[in-house]
């Protein structure tokens, strides 16, 4: 593991932070370039993603602290220390989603269309972030399995699927809901190889329970939207 990329005097550059920052930088760059294809302002998309980044990190950290409450109650000075990781994706996802929904409403951008643009680049940022987890040594697997790299490779695969899917999108929300389903299925499976998450309910981790809920809700919305689109398409013929 290489948690520290380099150190110069009082300045320490951590690999985890670098990979997370790189992931979001790439996501912002690519989403900005493609915004026009979705009828969106590139500048607004950049502002939106920066908002998502800030609130997402806050939510991910807060959820991690809640799950590790006993430790942080005894070590409150470490609450803001992100040098060793300590972020829970679903906490960040829901916090960022709430802030993004508010931003989109205020700017009148269109929620589902905007999220269809962002979905592939969100998962690409996650893929790069998981490499940071590997370098940092967090989110480790059982029996020395490099589960972070497995997660990263599967996220890169989902990115390719979603990016190609954008080219044949039929209705608004299709790509984002597909992302929610594919990511949650991936997360559910990969959790069985994780060695750092305790089992909480019926042998499942909290992330697996959340993944099941996200798949069910997302699939229900997806099928509803697909049915309405098919009915409208049939009526127009």
Protein backbone atom coordinates (compact mmCIF):
# COMPACT_ATOMS: atom_id res chain seq x y z
CA UNK A 1 0.00 0.00 0.00
CA UNK A 2 1.11 3.57 -0.62
CA UNK A 3 -1.08 5.87 1.49
CA UNK A 4 1.39 8.75 1.16
CA UNK A 5 2.45 9.79 -2.34
CA UNK A 6 5.12 12.18 -1.12
CA UNK A 7 6.00 14.35 1.83
CA UNK A 8 7.88 17.64 1.81
CA UNK A 9 8.39 19.17 5.24
CA UNK A 10 4.97 19.80 6.80
CA UNK A 11 3.18 19.04 3.54
CA UNK A 12 1.89 15.50 3.05
CA UNK A 13 0.08 14.42 -0.12
CA UNK A 14 -2.12 11.37 0.40
CA UNK A 15 -2.90 8.96 -2.44
CA UNK A 16 -6.53 8.59 -1.37
CA UNK A 17 -7.21 12.31 -1.60
CA UNK A 18 -5.39 12.60 -4.91
CA UNK A 19 -7.41 9.82 -6.53
CA UNK A 20 -10.72 11.18 -5.24
CA UNK A 21 -9.81 14.65 -6.52
CA UNK A 22 -8.67 13.20 -9.86
CA UNK A 23 -11.92 11.28 -10.20
CA UNK A 24 -14.05 14.36 -9.70
CA UNK A 25 -11.82 16.47 -11.95
CA UNK A 26 -12.21 13.97 -14.79
CA UNK A 27 -15.97 13.77 -14.18
CA UNK A 28 -16.33 17.55 -14.25
CA UNK A 29 -14.25 17.87 -17.43
CA UNK A 30 -16.16 15.19 -19.36
CA UNK A 31 -19.62 16.21 -18.14
CA UNK A 32 -18.88 19.83 -19.04
CA UNK A 33 -17.88 18.83 -22.58
CA UNK A 34 -21.03 16.77 -23.10
CA UNK A 35 -23.52 19.10 -21.39
CA UNK A 36 -24.62 20.70 -24.66
CA UNK A 37 -25.79 17.34 -26.01
CA UNK A 38 -28.34 17.30 -23.20
CA UNK A 39 -29.37 20.90 -23.68
CA UNK A 40 -27.57 22.02 -20.52
CA UNK A 41 -25.14 24.81 -19.70
CA UNK A 42 -21.62 23.53 -19.13
CA UNK A 43 -21.01 26.18 -16.47
CA UNK A 44 -24.10 25.11 -14.54
CA UNK A 45 -23.05 21.47 -14.76
CA UNK A 46 -19.63 22.36 -13.30
CA UNK A 47 -21.25 24.29 -10.45
CA UNK A 48 -23.62 21.40 -9.86
CA UNK A 49 -20.83 18.83 -9.65
CA UNK A 50 -18.80 20.99 -7.27
CA UNK A 51 -21.89 21.23 -5.07
CA UNK A 52 -22.28 17.46 -5.25
CA UNK A 53 -18.62 16.96 -4.36
CA UNK A 54 -18.74 19.12 -1.24
CA UNK A 55 -22.05 17.79 0.07
CA UNK A 56 -21.19 14.25 -0.96
CA UNK A 57 -17.96 14.19 1.04
CA UNK A 58 -19.79 15.70 4.02
CA UNK A 59 -22.53 13.07 3.82
CA UNK A 60 -20.09 10.20 3.29
CA UNK A 61 -18.06 11.28 6.30
CA UNK A 62 -21.13 11.81 8.48
CA UNK A 63 -22.46 8.34 7.70
CA UNK A 64 -19.06 6.79 8.44
CA UNK A 65 -18.91 8.61 11.79
CA UNK A 66 -22.41 7.39 12.65
CA UNK A 67 -21.42 3.79 11.86
CA UNK A 68 -18.22 4.18 13.91
CA UNK A 69 -19.78 6.30 16.65
CA UNK A 70 -18.11 4.55 19.58
CA UNK A 71 -14.65 5.12 18.12
CA UNK A 72 -15.20 8.79 17.34
CA UNK A 73 -16.82 9.44 20.69
CA UNK A 74 -13.53 8.35 22.22
CA UNK A 75 -11.45 10.13 19.55
CA UNK A 76 -13.35 13.30 18.60
CA UNK A 77 -10.21 15.02 17.27
CA UNK A 78 -10.14 12.54 14.37
CA UNK A 79 -13.63 13.37 13.08
CA UNK A 80 -12.28 15.72 10.40
CA UNK A 81 -9.21 13.63 9.56
CA UNK A 82 -9.77 12.14 6.10
CA UNK A 83 -6.17 11.10 5.52
CA UNK A 84 -7.01 7.44 6.21
CA UNK A 85 -10.23 7.36 4.24
CA UNK A 86 -13.40 6.99 6.25
CA UNK A 87 -16.12 7.74 3.71
CA UNK A 88 -19.26 5.71 3.10
CA UNK A 89 -20.50 5.96 -0.48
CA UNK A 90 -24.22 5.68 0.21
CA UNK A 91 -24.06 8.46 2.79
CA UNK A 92 -22.39 10.69 0.24
CA UNK A 93 -24.77 9.60 -2.51
CA UNK A 94 -27.95 10.51 -0.64
CA UNK A 95 -26.58 13.80 0.70
CA UNK A 96 -25.28 14.81 -2.72
CA UNK A 97 -28.52 13.70 -4.39
CA UNK A 98 -30.54 15.95 -2.09
CA UNK A 99 -28.32 18.96 -2.76
CA UNK A 100 -28.27 18.24 -6.50
CA UNK A 101 -32.08 17.98 -6.62
CA UNK A 102 -32.36 21.36 -4.88
CA UNK A 103 -29.77 22.93 -7.22
CA UNK A 104 -31.54 21.57 -10.30
CA UNK A 105 -34.91 22.82 -9.07
CA UNK A 106 -33.59 26.33 -8.40
CA UNK A 107 -31.83 26.49 -11.78
CA UNK A 108 -34.71 24.76 -13.59
CA UNK A 109 -32.44 22.28 -15.32
CA UNK A 110 -34.68 19.19 -15.36
CA UNK A 111 -33.80 16.48 -12.83
CA UNK A 112 -33.93 13.27 -14.85
CA UNK A 113 -32.26 14.69 -17.95
CA UNK A 114 -29.44 16.20 -15.88
CA UNK A 115 -28.87 13.00 -13.94
CA UNK A 116 -28.74 11.02 -17.19
CA UNK A 117 -25.85 13.24 -18.26
CA UNK A 118 -24.00 12.88 -14.97
CA UNK A 119 -24.47 9.16 -14.26
CA UNK A 120 -21.58 7.74 -16.35
CA UNK A 121 -19.15 10.31 -15.00
CA UNK A 122 -20.21 9.73 -11.40
CA UNK A 123 -19.34 6.06 -11.75
CA UNK A 124 -16.06 6.94 -13.48
CA UNK A 125 -15.12 9.11 -10.50
CA UNK A 126 -15.98 6.19 -8.22
CA UNK A 127 -13.73 3.87 -10.24
CA UNK A 128 -10.74 6.18 -9.77
CA UNK A 129 -11.61 6.70 -6.12
CA UNK A 130 -11.50 2.96 -5.47
CA UNK A 131 -7.91 2.91 -6.72
CA UNK A 132 -7.27 5.46 -3.99
CA UNK A 133 -8.82 3.03 -1.50
CA UNK A 134 -6.40 0.34 -2.68
CA UNK A 135 -3.39 2.62 -2.32
CA UNK A 136 -4.61 3.75 1.09
CA UNK A 137 -5.34 0.25 2.35
CA UNK A 138 -8.93 0.99 3.37
CA UNK A 139 -12.07 -0.88 2.23
CA UNK A 140 -9.93 -4.04 2.26
CA UNK A 141 -11.01 -7.54 1.35
CA UNK A 142 -11.05 -10.82 3.21
CA UNK A 143 -7.97 -13.07 3.02
CA UNK A 144 -5.94 -10.42 1.26
CA UNK A 145 -8.28 -10.16 -1.73
CA UNK A 146 -7.68 -6.82 -3.55
CA UNK A 147 -11.40 -6.09 -3.46
CA UNK A 148 -10.79 -2.38 -4.13
CA UNK A 149 -9.35 -3.22 -7.55
CA UNK A 150 -12.21 -5.61 -8.30
CA UNK A 151 -14.61 -2.81 -7.43
CA UNK A 152 -12.69 -0.36 -9.60
CA UNK A 153 -12.70 -2.67 -12.63
CA UNK A 154 -16.42 -3.34 -12.29
CA UNK A 155 -17.08 0.41 -12.01
CA UNK A 156 -15.07 1.07 -15.17
CA UNK A 157 -17.23 -1.58 -16.88
CA UNK A 158 -20.41 0.13 -15.68
CA UNK A 159 -19.06 3.45 -16.97
CA UNK A 160 -18.61 1.98 -20.46
CA UNK A 161 -22.11 0.47 -20.38
CA UNK A 162 -23.73 3.73 -19.28
CA UNK A 163 -21.76 5.84 -21.74
CA UNK A 164 -22.85 3.63 -24.64
CA UNK A 165 -26.38 3.54 -23.25
CA UNK A 166 -26.54 7.33 -23.46
CA UNK A 167 -26.41 7.05 -27.25
CA UNK A 168 -29.65 5.04 -27.38
CA UNK A 169 -31.50 6.66 -24.47
CA UNK A 170 -35.27 6.59 -24.94
CA UNK A 171 -36.65 8.47 -21.94
CA UNK A 172 -35.35 10.85 -19.27
CA UNK A 173 -34.09 9.01 -16.21
CA UNK A 174 -33.19 5.83 -18.07
CA UNK A 175 -29.42 6.17 -17.62
CA UNK A 176 -29.46 7.38 -14.01
CA UNK A 177 -31.88 4.69 -12.90
CA UNK A 178 -29.78 2.14 -14.77
CA UNK A 179 -26.76 3.41 -12.87
CA UNK A 180 -28.55 3.07 -9.53
CA UNK A 181 -29.48 -0.52 -10.36
CA UNK A 182 -26.11 -1.61 -11.77
CA UNK A 183 -24.08 0.05 -9.02
CA UNK A 184 -26.24 -1.38 -6.24
CA UNK A 185 -26.06 -4.88 -7.70
CA UNK A 186 -22.30 -4.53 -7.95
CA UNK A 187 -22.08 -3.24 -4.39
CA UNK A 188 -24.28 -6.03 -3.05
CA UNK A 189 -22.02 -8.67 -4.58
CA UNK A 190 -18.68 -7.06 -3.77
CA UNK A 191 -19.63 -6.69 -0.10
CA UNK A 192 -19.27 -10.45 0.35
CA UNK A 193 -15.53 -9.98 -0.33
CA UNK A 194 -15.09 -7.00 2.00
CA UNK A 195 -13.32 -7.60 5.28
CA UNK A 196 -13.99 -4.25 6.92
CA UNK A 197 -17.80 -4.10 7.00
CA UNK A 198 -19.54 -6.01 9.82
CA UNK A 199 -22.65 -8.06 9.13
CA UNK A 200 -25.69 -6.29 10.53
CA UNK A 201 -28.92 -7.93 9.32
CA UNK A 202 -29.37 -11.61 8.44
CA UNK A 203 -25.72 -11.92 7.52
CA UNK A 204 -25.80 -8.81 5.32
CA UNK A 205 -23.95 -5.53 5.76
CA UNK A 206 -25.75 -2.20 6.03
CA UNK A 207 -24.55 -1.36 2.51
CA UNK A 208 -26.09 -4.56 1.19
CA UNK A 209 -29.43 -3.77 2.82
CA UNK A 210 -29.35 -0.27 1.30
CA UNK A 211 -28.38 -1.76 -2.06
CA UNK A 212 -31.46 -4.00 -2.04
CA UNK A 213 -33.69 -1.01 -1.29
CA UNK A 214 -32.09 1.11 -4.02
CA UNK A 215 -32.47 -1.66 -6.61
CA UNK A 216 -36.14 -2.20 -5.77
CA UNK A 217 -37.04 1.50 -5.80
CA UNK A 218 -35.00 2.26 -8.92
CA UNK A 219 -36.36 -0.75 -10.80
CA UNK A 220 -39.95 0.24 -9.94
CA UNK A 221 -39.41 3.80 -11.22
CA UNK A 222 -37.57 2.52 -14.30
CA UNK A 223 -40.37 0.12 -15.23
CA UNK A 224 -42.99 2.81 -14.68
CA UNK A 225 -41.14 5.26 -16.94
CA UNK A 226 -40.50 2.58 -19.56
CA UNK A 227 -44.19 1.61 -19.59
CA UNK A 228 -45.26 5.23 -20.06
CA UNK A 229 -42.71 5.73 -22.83
CA UNK A 230 -43.81 2.56 -24.62
CA UNK A 231 -47.47 3.56 -24.31
CA UNK A 232 -46.74 7.00 -25.71
CA UNK A 233 -44.61 5.58 -28.53
CA UNK A 234 -47.32 3.09 -29.46
CA UNK A 235 -50.00 5.79 -29.44
CA UNK A 236 -47.95 7.96 -31.79
CA UNK A 237 -47.65 5.24 -34.43
